Amino acid sequence: PGDASIEDLQRLHRTLGLDRVVIV
């Protein structure tokens, strides 16, 4: 895969209004 950074993930979660995450 290509990079999928924590910063990308956190930006997505802020946009979606998500508070928690399960990283698999």
mmCIF file of all heavy atoms, coordinates in Angstrom:
data_MODEL
# 
_entry.id   MODEL 
# 
loop_
_atom_site.group_PDB 
_atom_site.id 
_atom_site.type_symbol 
_atom_site.label_atom_id 
_atom_site.label_alt_id 
_atom_site.label_comp_id 
_atom_site.label_asym_id 
_atom_site.label_entity_id 
_atom_site.label_seq_id 
_atom_site.pdbx_PDB_ins_code 
_atom_site.Cartn_x 
_atom_site.Cartn_y 
_atom_site.Cartn_z 
_atom_site.occupancy 
_atom_site.B_iso_or_equiv 
_atom_site.pdbx_formal_charge 
_atom_site.auth_seq_id 
_atom_site.auth_comp_id 
_atom_site.auth_asym_id 
_atom_site.auth_atom_id 
_atom_site.pdbx_PDB_model_num 
ATOM 1   N N   . PRO A 1 1  ? 0.824   -1.208 0.000  1.00 0.00 ? 1  PRO A N   1 
ATOM 2   C CA  . PRO A 1 1  ? 0.000   0.000  0.000  1.00 0.00 ? 1  PRO A CA  1 
ATOM 3   C C   . PRO A 1 1  ? 0.863   1.265  0.000  1.00 0.00 ? 1  PRO A C   1 
ATOM 4   O O   . PRO A 1 1  ? 2.061   1.225  0.319  1.00 0.00 ? 1  PRO A O   1 
ATOM 5   C CB  . PRO A 1 1  ? -0.747  -0.122 1.324  1.00 0.00 ? 1  PRO A CB  1 
ATOM 6   C CG  . PRO A 1 1  ? 0.230   -0.817 2.209  1.00 0.00 ? 1  PRO A CG  1 
ATOM 7   C CD  . PRO A 1 1  ? 0.942   -1.802 1.314  1.00 0.00 ? 1  PRO A CD  1 
ATOM 8   N N   . GLY A 1 2  ? 0.246   2.374  -0.322 1.00 0.00 ? 2  GLY A N   1 
ATOM 9   C CA  . GLY A 1 2  ? 0.889   3.672  -0.153 1.00 0.00 ? 2  GLY A CA  1 
ATOM 10  C C   . GLY A 1 2  ? 0.751   4.113  1.296  1.00 0.00 ? 2  GLY A C   1 
ATOM 11  O O   . GLY A 1 2  ? 0.055   3.476  2.086  1.00 0.00 ? 2  GLY A O   1 
ATOM 12  N N   . ASP A 1 3  ? 1.419   5.195  1.634  1.00 0.00 ? 3  ASP A N   1 
ATOM 13  C CA  . ASP A 1 3  ? 1.310   5.723  2.986  1.00 0.00 ? 3  ASP A CA  1 
ATOM 14  C C   . ASP A 1 3  ? -0.118  6.192  3.273  1.00 0.00 ? 3  ASP A C   1 
ATOM 15  O O   . ASP A 1 3  ? -0.794  6.748  2.405  1.00 0.00 ? 3  ASP A O   1 
ATOM 16  C CB  . ASP A 1 3  ? 2.259   6.907  3.186  1.00 0.00 ? 3  ASP A CB  1 
ATOM 17  C CG  . ASP A 1 3  ? 3.714   6.488  3.332  1.00 0.00 ? 3  ASP A CG  1 
ATOM 18  O OD1 . ASP A 1 3  ? 3.990   5.274  3.388  1.00 0.00 ? 3  ASP A OD1 1 
ATOM 19  O OD2 . ASP A 1 3  ? 4.573   7.389  3.384  1.00 0.00 ? 3  ASP A OD2 1 
ATOM 20  N N   . ALA A 1 4  ? -0.570  5.934  4.474  1.00 0.00 ? 4  ALA A N   1 
ATOM 21  C CA  . ALA A 1 4  ? -1.844  6.443  5.008  1.00 0.00 ? 4  ALA A CA  1 
ATOM 22  C C   . ALA A 1 4  ? -1.514  6.878  6.432  1.00 0.00 ? 4  ALA A C   1 
ATOM 23  O O   . ALA A 1 4  ? -1.513  6.065  7.354  1.00 0.00 ? 4  ALA A O   1 
ATOM 24  C CB  . ALA A 1 4  ? -2.917  5.371  4.975  1.00 0.00 ? 4  ALA A CB  1 
ATOM 25  N N   . SER A 1 5  ? -1.171  8.145  6.590  1.00 0.00 ? 5  SER A N   1 
ATOM 26  C CA  . SER A 1 5  ? -0.579  8.638  7.828  1.00 0.00 ? 5  SER A CA  1 
ATOM 27  C C   . SER A 1 5  ? -1.606  8.869  8.939  1.00 0.00 ? 5  SER A C   1 
ATOM 28  O O   . SER A 1 5  ? -2.815  8.979  8.699  1.00 0.00 ? 5  SER A O   1 
ATOM 29  C CB  . SER A 1 5  ? 0.162   9.950  7.564  1.00 0.00 ? 5  SER A CB  1 
ATOM 30  O OG  . SER A 1 5  ? -0.763  11.002 7.344  1.00 0.00 ? 5  SER A OG  1 
ATOM 31  N N   . ILE A 1 6  ? -1.077  8.986  10.134 1.00 0.00 ? 6  ILE A N   1 
ATOM 32  C CA  . ILE A 1 6  ? -1.900  9.328  11.292 1.00 0.00 ? 6  ILE A CA  1 
ATOM 33  C C   . ILE A 1 6  ? -2.509  10.714 11.076 1.00 0.00 ? 6  ILE A C   1 
ATOM 34  O O   . ILE A 1 6  ? -3.672  10.946 11.406 1.00 0.00 ? 6  ILE A O   1 
ATOM 35  C CB  . ILE A 1 6  ? -1.055  9.299  12.584 1.00 0.00 ? 6  ILE A CB  1 
ATOM 36  C CG1 . ILE A 1 6  ? -0.569  7.876  12.851 1.00 0.00 ? 6  ILE A CG1 1 
ATOM 37  C CG2 . ILE A 1 6  ? -1.835  9.839  13.771 1.00 0.00 ? 6  ILE A CG2 1 
ATOM 38  C CD1 . ILE A 1 6  ? 0.481   7.792  13.926 1.00 0.00 ? 6  ILE A CD1 1 
ATOM 39  N N   . GLU A 1 7  ? -1.737  11.617 10.507 1.00 0.00 ? 7  GLU A N   1 
ATOM 40  C CA  . GLU A 1 7  ? -2.252  12.968 10.257 1.00 0.00 ? 7  GLU A CA  1 
ATOM 41  C C   . GLU A 1 7  ? -3.434  12.935 9.290  1.00 0.00 ? 7  GLU A C   1 
ATOM 42  O O   . GLU A 1 7  ? -4.428  13.637 9.499  1.00 0.00 ? 7  GLU A O   1 
ATOM 43  C CB  . GLU A 1 7  ? -1.126  13.867 9.711  1.00 0.00 ? 7  GLU A CB  1 
ATOM 44  C CG  . GLU A 1 7  ? -0.027  14.153 10.717 1.00 0.00 ? 7  GLU A CG  1 
ATOM 45  C CD  . GLU A 1 7  ? 0.959   12.991 10.931 1.00 0.00 ? 7  GLU A CD  1 
ATOM 46  O OE1 . GLU A 1 7  ? 1.056   12.088 10.058 1.00 0.00 ? 7  GLU A OE1 1 
ATOM 47  O OE2 . GLU A 1 7  ? 1.617   12.981 11.983 1.00 0.00 ? 7  GLU A OE2 1 
ATOM 48  N N   . ASP A 1 8  ? -3.342  12.111 8.241  1.00 0.00 ? 8  ASP A N   1 
ATOM 49  C CA  . ASP A 1 8  ? -4.470  11.951 7.314  1.00 0.00 ? 8  ASP A CA  1 
ATOM 50  C C   . ASP A 1 8  ? -5.692  11.401 8.054  1.00 0.00 ? 8  ASP A C   1 
ATOM 51  O O   . ASP A 1 8  ? -6.814  11.879 7.869  1.00 0.00 ? 8  ASP A O   1 
ATOM 52  C CB  . ASP A 1 8  ? -4.114  10.993 6.172  1.00 0.00 ? 8  ASP A CB  1 
ATOM 53  C CG  . ASP A 1 8  ? -3.089  11.543 5.208  1.00 0.00 ? 8  ASP A CG  1 
ATOM 54  O OD1 . ASP A 1 8  ? -2.890  12.773 5.163  1.00 0.00 ? 8  ASP A OD1 1 
ATOM 55  O OD2 . ASP A 1 8  ? -2.470  10.726 4.491  1.00 0.00 ? 8  ASP A OD2 1 
ATOM 56  N N   . LEU A 1 9  ? -5.458  10.399 8.879  1.00 0.00 ? 9  LEU A N   1 
ATOM 57  C CA  . LEU A 1 9  ? -6.540  9.778  9.635  1.00 0.00 ? 9  LEU A CA  1 
ATOM 58  C C   . LEU A 1 9  ? -7.194  10.788 10.575 1.00 0.00 ? 9  LEU A C   1 
ATOM 59  O O   . LEU A 1 9  ? -8.423  10.898 10.628 1.00 0.00 ? 9  LEU A O   1 
ATOM 60  C CB  . LEU A 1 9  ? -6.006  8.583  10.427 1.00 0.00 ? 9  LEU A CB  1 
ATOM 61  C CG  . LEU A 1 9  ? -6.996  7.866  11.332 1.00 0.00 ? 9  LEU A CG  1 
ATOM 62  C CD1 . LEU A 1 9  ? -8.116  7.220  10.516 1.00 0.00 ? 9  LEU A CD1 1 
ATOM 63  C CD2 . LEU A 1 9  ? -6.272  6.821  12.176 1.00 0.00 ? 9  LEU A CD2 1 
ATOM 64  N N   . GLN A 1 10 ? -6.391  11.540 11.294 1.00 0.00 ? 10 GLN A N   1 
ATOM 65  C CA  . GLN A 1 10 ? -6.940  12.508 12.237 1.00 0.00 ? 10 GLN A CA  1 
ATOM 66  C C   . GLN A 1 10 ? -7.701  13.624 11.514 1.00 0.00 ? 10 GLN A C   1 
ATOM 67  O O   . GLN A 1 10 ? -8.732  14.084 11.985 1.00 0.00 ? 10 GLN A O   1 
ATOM 68  C CB  . GLN A 1 10 ? -5.832  13.073 13.123 1.00 0.00 ? 10 GLN A CB  1 
ATOM 69  C CG  . GLN A 1 10 ? -5.315  12.019 14.094 1.00 0.00 ? 10 GLN A CG  1 
ATOM 70  C CD  . GLN A 1 10 ? -4.146  12.493 14.919 1.00 0.00 ? 10 GLN A CD  1 
ATOM 71  O OE1 . GLN A 1 10 ? -3.202  13.102 14.403 1.00 0.00 ? 10 GLN A OE1 1 
ATOM 72  N NE2 . GLN A 1 10 ? -4.199  12.214 16.212 1.00 0.00 ? 10 GLN A NE2 1 
ATOM 73  N N   . ARG A 1 11 ? -7.214  14.045 10.354 1.00 0.00 ? 11 ARG A N   1 
ATOM 74  C CA  . ARG A 1 11 ? -7.924  15.058 9.557  1.00 0.00 ? 11 ARG A CA  1 
ATOM 75  C C   . ARG A 1 11 ? -9.288  14.517 9.116  1.00 0.00 ? 11 ARG A C   1 
ATOM 76  O O   . ARG A 1 11 ? -10.305 15.202 9.215  1.00 0.00 ? 11 ARG A O   1 
ATOM 77  C CB  . ARG A 1 11 ? -7.062  15.461 8.356  1.00 0.00 ? 11 ARG A CB  1 
ATOM 78  C CG  . ARG A 1 11 ? -7.615  16.612 7.566  1.00 0.00 ? 11 ARG A CG  1 
ATOM 79  C CD  . ARG A 1 11 ? -6.656  17.187 6.509  1.00 0.00 ? 11 ARG A CD  1 
ATOM 80  N NE  . ARG A 1 11 ? -5.789  16.231 5.838  1.00 0.00 ? 11 ARG A NE  1 
ATOM 81  C CZ  . ARG A 1 11 ? -4.488  16.080 6.097  1.00 0.00 ? 11 ARG A CZ  1 
ATOM 82  N NH1 . ARG A 1 11 ? -3.891  16.797 7.028  1.00 0.00 ? 11 ARG A NH1 1 
ATOM 83  N NH2 . ARG A 1 11 ? -3.778  15.210 5.411  1.00 0.00 ? 11 ARG A NH2 1 
ATOM 84  N N   . LEU A 1 12 ? -9.313  13.280 8.666  1.00 0.00 ? 12 LEU A N   1 
ATOM 85  C CA  . LEU A 1 12 ? -10.571 12.649 8.271  1.00 0.00 ? 12 LEU A CA  1 
ATOM 86  C C   . LEU A 1 12 ? -11.539 12.571 9.449  1.00 0.00 ? 12 LEU A C   1 
ATOM 87  O O   . LEU A 1 12 ? -12.710 12.919 9.335  1.00 0.00 ? 12 LEU A O   1 
ATOM 88  C CB  . LEU A 1 12 ? -10.310 11.249 7.711  1.00 0.00 ? 12 LEU A CB  1 
ATOM 89  C CG  . LEU A 1 12 ? -11.536 10.409 7.389  1.00 0.00 ? 12 LEU A CG  1 
ATOM 90  C CD1 . LEU A 1 12 ? -12.350 11.046 6.263  1.00 0.00 ? 12 LEU A CD1 1 
ATOM 91  C CD2 . LEU A 1 12 ? -11.125 8.993  7.041  1.00 0.00 ? 12 LEU A CD2 1 
ATOM 92  N N   . HIS A 1 13 ? -11.040 12.145 10.597 1.00 0.00 ? 13 HIS A N   1 
ATOM 93  C CA  . HIS A 1 13 ? -11.893 12.015 11.780 1.00 0.00 ? 13 HIS A CA  1 
ATOM 94  C C   . HIS A 1 13 ? -12.424 13.363 12.255 1.00 0.00 ? 13 HIS A C   1 
ATOM 95  O O   . HIS A 1 13 ? -13.588 13.460 12.674 1.00 0.00 ? 13 HIS A O   1 
ATOM 96  C CB  . HIS A 1 13 ? -11.151 11.289 12.892 1.00 0.00 ? 13 HIS A CB  1 
ATOM 97  C CG  . HIS A 1 13 ? -11.025 9.827  12.633 1.00 0.00 ? 13 HIS A CG  1 
ATOM 98  N ND1 . HIS A 1 13 ? -10.274 9.000  13.414 1.00 0.00 ? 13 HIS A ND1 1 
ATOM 99  C CD2 . HIS A 1 13 ? -11.548 9.036  11.651 1.00 0.00 ? 13 HIS A CD2 1 
ATOM 100 C CE1 . HIS A 1 13 ? -10.350 7.759  12.941 1.00 0.00 ? 13 HIS A CE1 1 
ATOM 101 N NE2 . HIS A 1 13 ? -11.110 7.771  11.864 1.00 0.00 ? 13 HIS A NE2 1 
ATOM 102 N N   . ARG A 1 14 ? -11.612 14.411 12.166 1.00 0.00 ? 14 ARG A N   1 
ATOM 103 C CA  . ARG A 1 14 ? -12.106 15.753 12.524 1.00 0.00 ? 14 ARG A CA  1 
ATOM 104 C C   . ARG A 1 14 ? -13.229 16.168 11.583 1.00 0.00 ? 14 ARG A C   1 
ATOM 105 O O   . ARG A 1 14 ? -14.254 16.693 12.012 1.00 0.00 ? 14 ARG A O   1 
ATOM 106 C CB  . ARG A 1 14 ? -10.976 16.781 12.482 1.00 0.00 ? 14 ARG A CB  1 
ATOM 107 C CG  . ARG A 1 14 ? -10.099 16.792 13.707 1.00 0.00 ? 14 ARG A CG  1 
ATOM 108 C CD  . ARG A 1 14 ? -9.180  18.011 13.730 1.00 0.00 ? 14 ARG A CD  1 
ATOM 109 N NE  . ARG A 1 14 ? -8.338  18.137 12.554 1.00 0.00 ? 14 ARG A NE  1 
ATOM 110 C CZ  . ARG A 1 14 ? -7.146  17.532 12.389 1.00 0.00 ? 14 ARG A CZ  1 
ATOM 111 N NH1 . ARG A 1 14 ? -6.667  16.749 13.356 1.00 0.00 ? 14 ARG A NH1 1 
ATOM 112 N NH2 . ARG A 1 14 ? -6.448  17.710 11.303 1.00 0.00 ? 14 ARG A NH2 1 
ATOM 113 N N   . THR A 1 15 ? -13.041 15.906 10.300 1.00 0.00 ? 15 THR A N   1 
ATOM 114 C CA  . THR A 1 15 ? -14.050 16.270 9.301  1.00 0.00 ? 15 THR A CA  1 
ATOM 115 C C   . THR A 1 15 ? -15.353 15.513 9.534  1.00 0.00 ? 15 THR A C   1 
ATOM 116 O O   . THR A 1 15 ? -16.440 16.066 9.421  1.00 0.00 ? 15 THR A O   1 
ATOM 117 C CB  . THR A 1 15 ? -13.524 15.989 7.877  1.00 0.00 ? 15 THR A CB  1 
ATOM 118 O OG1 . THR A 1 15 ? -12.357 16.781 7.665  1.00 0.00 ? 15 THR A OG1 1 
ATOM 119 C CG2 . THR A 1 15 ? -14.563 16.319 6.824  1.00 0.00 ? 15 THR A CG2 1 
ATOM 120 N N   . LEU A 1 16 ? -15.241 14.241 9.876  1.00 0.00 ? 16 LEU A N   1 
ATOM 121 C CA  . LEU A 1 16 ? -16.420 13.398 10.084 1.00 0.00 ? 16 LEU A CA  1 
ATOM 122 C C   . LEU A 1 16 ? -17.008 13.525 11.488 1.00 0.00 ? 16 LEU A C   1 
ATOM 123 O O   . LEU A 1 16 ? -18.105 13.038 11.742 1.00 0.00 ? 16 LEU A O   1 
ATOM 124 C CB  . LEU A 1 16 ? -16.080 11.933 9.805  1.00 0.00 ? 16 LEU A CB  1 
ATOM 125 C CG  . LEU A 1 16 ? -15.678 11.605 8.375  1.00 0.00 ? 16 LEU A CG  1 
ATOM 126 C CD1 . LEU A 1 16 ? -15.258 10.144 8.265  1.00 0.00 ? 16 LEU A CD1 1 
ATOM 127 C CD2 . LEU A 1 16 ? -16.806 11.921 7.406  1.00 0.00 ? 16 LEU A CD2 1 
ATOM 128 N N   . GLY A 1 17 ? -16.272 14.136 12.401 1.00 0.00 ? 17 GLY A N   1 
ATOM 129 C CA  . GLY A 1 17 ? -16.748 14.276 13.771 1.00 0.00 ? 17 GLY A CA  1 
ATOM 130 C C   . GLY A 1 17 ? -16.623 12.993 14.582 1.00 0.00 ? 17 GLY A C   1 
ATOM 131 O O   . GLY A 1 17 ? -17.431 12.744 15.481 1.00 0.00 ? 17 GLY A O   1 
ATOM 132 N N   . LEU A 1 18 ? -15.617 12.181 14.286 1.00 0.00 ? 18 LEU A N   1 
ATOM 133 C CA  . LEU A 1 18 ? -15.408 10.932 15.016 1.00 0.00 ? 18 LEU A CA  1 
ATOM 134 C C   . LEU A 1 18 ? -14.465 11.173 16.189 1.00 0.00 ? 18 LEU A C   1 
ATOM 135 O O   . LEU A 1 18 ? -13.464 11.873 16.055 1.00 0.00 ? 18 LEU A O   1 
ATOM 136 C CB  . LEU A 1 18 ? -14.839 9.857  14.090 1.00 0.00 ? 18 LEU A CB  1 
ATOM 137 C CG  . LEU A 1 18 ? -15.729 9.485  12.909 1.00 0.00 ? 18 LEU A CG  1 
ATOM 138 C CD1 . LEU A 1 18 ? -15.007 8.529  11.974 1.00 0.00 ? 18 LEU A CD1 1 
ATOM 139 C CD2 . LEU A 1 18 ? -17.037 8.903  13.381 1.00 0.00 ? 18 LEU A CD2 1 
ATOM 140 N N   . ASP A 1 19 ? -14.795 10.593 17.339 1.00 0.00 ? 19 ASP A N   1 
ATOM 141 C CA  . ASP A 1 19 ? -14.013 10.810 18.557 1.00 0.00 ? 19 ASP A CA  1 
ATOM 142 C C   . ASP A 1 19 ? -13.040 9.684  18.883 1.00 0.00 ? 19 ASP A C   1 
ATOM 143 O O   . ASP A 1 19 ? -12.068 9.891  19.606 1.00 0.00 ? 19 ASP A O   1 
ATOM 144 C CB  . ASP A 1 19 ? -14.951 10.973 19.759 1.00 0.00 ? 19 ASP A CB  1 
ATOM 145 C CG  . ASP A 1 19 ? -15.823 12.201 19.646 1.00 0.00 ? 19 ASP A CG  1 
ATOM 146 O OD1 . ASP A 1 19 ? -15.359 13.220 19.082 1.00 0.00 ? 19 ASP A OD1 1 
ATOM 147 O OD2 . ASP A 1 19 ? -16.983 12.150 20.116 1.00 0.00 ? 19 ASP A OD2 1 
ATOM 148 N N   . ARG A 1 20 ? -13.332 8.470  18.406 1.00 0.00 ? 20 ARG A N   1 
ATOM 149 C CA  . ARG A 1 20 ? -12.534 7.302  18.790 1.00 0.00 ? 20 ARG A CA  1 
ATOM 150 C C   . ARG A 1 20 ? -12.198 6.487  17.544 1.00 0.00 ? 20 ARG A C   1 
ATOM 151 O O   . ARG A 1 20 ? -12.840 6.619  16.516 1.00 0.00 ? 20 ARG A O   1 
ATOM 152 C CB  . ARG A 1 20 ? -13.309 6.444  19.791 1.00 0.00 ? 20 ARG A CB  1 
ATOM 153 C CG  . ARG A 1 20 ? -13.679 7.192  21.055 1.00 0.00 ? 20 ARG A CG  1 
ATOM 154 C CD  . ARG A 1 20 ? -14.539 6.388  22.019 1.00 0.00 ? 20 ARG A CD  1 
ATOM 155 N NE  . ARG A 1 20 ? -15.793 5.986  21.407 1.00 0.00 ? 20 ARG A NE  1 
ATOM 156 C CZ  . ARG A 1 20 ? -16.307 4.754  21.484 1.00 0.00 ? 20 ARG A CZ  1 
ATOM 157 N NH1 . ARG A 1 20 ? -15.679 3.806  22.159 1.00 0.00 ? 20 ARG A NH1 1 
ATOM 158 N NH2 . ARG A 1 20 ? -17.445 4.469  20.903 1.00 0.00 ? 20 ARG A NH2 1 
ATOM 159 N N   . VAL A 1 21 ? -11.199 5.600  17.705 1.00 0.00 ? 21 VAL A N   1 
ATOM 160 C CA  . VAL A 1 21 ? -10.765 4.805  16.564 1.00 0.00 ? 21 VAL A CA  1 
ATOM 161 C C   . VAL A 1 21 ? -10.218 3.456  17.031 1.00 0.00 ? 21 VAL A C   1 
ATOM 162 O O   . VAL A 1 21 ? -9.617  3.366  18.097 1.00 0.00 ? 21 VAL A O   1 
ATOM 163 C CB  . VAL A 1 21 ? -9.683  5.560  15.739 1.00 0.00 ? 21 VAL A CB  1 
ATOM 164 C CG1 . VAL A 1 21 ? -8.430  5.825  16.552 1.00 0.00 ? 21 VAL A CG1 1 
ATOM 165 C CG2 . VAL A 1 21 ? -9.344  4.821  14.454 1.00 0.00 ? 21 VAL A CG2 1 
ATOM 166 N N   . VAL A 1 22 ? -10.438 2.431  16.210 1.00 0.00 ? 22 VAL A N   1 
ATOM 167 C CA  . VAL A 1 22 ? -9.814  1.128  16.392 1.00 0.00 ? 22 VAL A CA  1 
ATOM 168 C C   . VAL A 1 22 ? -8.906  0.906  15.180 1.00 0.00 ? 22 VAL A C   1 
ATOM 169 O O   . VAL A 1 22 ? -9.379  0.801  14.054 1.00 0.00 ? 22 VAL A O   1 
ATOM 170 C CB  . VAL A 1 22 ? -10.853 -0.011 16.501 1.00 0.00 ? 22 VAL A CB  1 
ATOM 171 C CG1 . VAL A 1 22 ? -10.146 -1.363 16.620 1.00 0.00 ? 22 VAL A CG1 1 
ATOM 172 C CG2 . VAL A 1 22 ? -11.793 0.225  17.667 1.00 0.00 ? 22 VAL A CG2 1 
ATOM 173 N N   . ILE A 1 23 ? -7.606  0.866  15.452 1.00 0.00 ? 23 ILE A N   1 
ATOM 174 C CA  . ILE A 1 23 ? -6.628  0.644  14.399 1.00 0.00 ? 23 ILE A CA  1 
ATOM 175 C C   . ILE A 1 23 ? -6.355  -0.846 14.320 1.00 0.00 ? 23 ILE A C   1 
ATOM 176 O O   . ILE A 1 23 ? -5.915  -1.462 15.292 1.00 0.00 ? 23 ILE A O   1 
ATOM 177 C CB  . ILE A 1 23 ? -5.336  1.428  14.670 1.00 0.00 ? 23 ILE A CB  1 
ATOM 178 C CG1 . ILE A 1 23 ? -5.648  2.927  14.731 1.00 0.00 ? 23 ILE A CG1 1 
ATOM 179 C CG2 . ILE A 1 23 ? -4.288  1.123  13.604 1.00 0.00 ? 23 ILE A CG2 1 
ATOM 180 C CD1 . ILE A 1 23 ? -4.483  3.793  15.159 1.00 0.00 ? 23 ILE A CD1 1 
ATOM 181 N N   . VAL A 1 24 ? -6.643  -1.419 13.164 1.00 0.00 ? 24 VAL A N   1 
ATOM 182 C CA  . VAL A 1 24 ? -6.447  -2.854 12.938 1.00 0.00 ? 24 VAL A CA  1 
ATOM 183 C C   . VAL A 1 24 ? -5.136  -3.033 12.180 1.00 0.00 ? 24 VAL A C   1 
ATOM 184 O O   . VAL A 1 24 ? -4.925  -2.423 11.130 1.00 0.00 ? 24 VAL A O   1 
ATOM 185 C CB  . VAL A 1 24 ? -7.632  -3.448 12.145 1.00 0.00 ? 24 VAL A CB  1 
ATOM 186 C CG1 . VAL A 1 24 ? -7.401  -4.917 11.857 1.00 0.00 ? 24 VAL A CG1 1 
ATOM 187 C CG2 . VAL A 1 24 ? -8.939  -3.223 12.898 1.00 0.00 ? 24 VAL A CG2 1 
# 
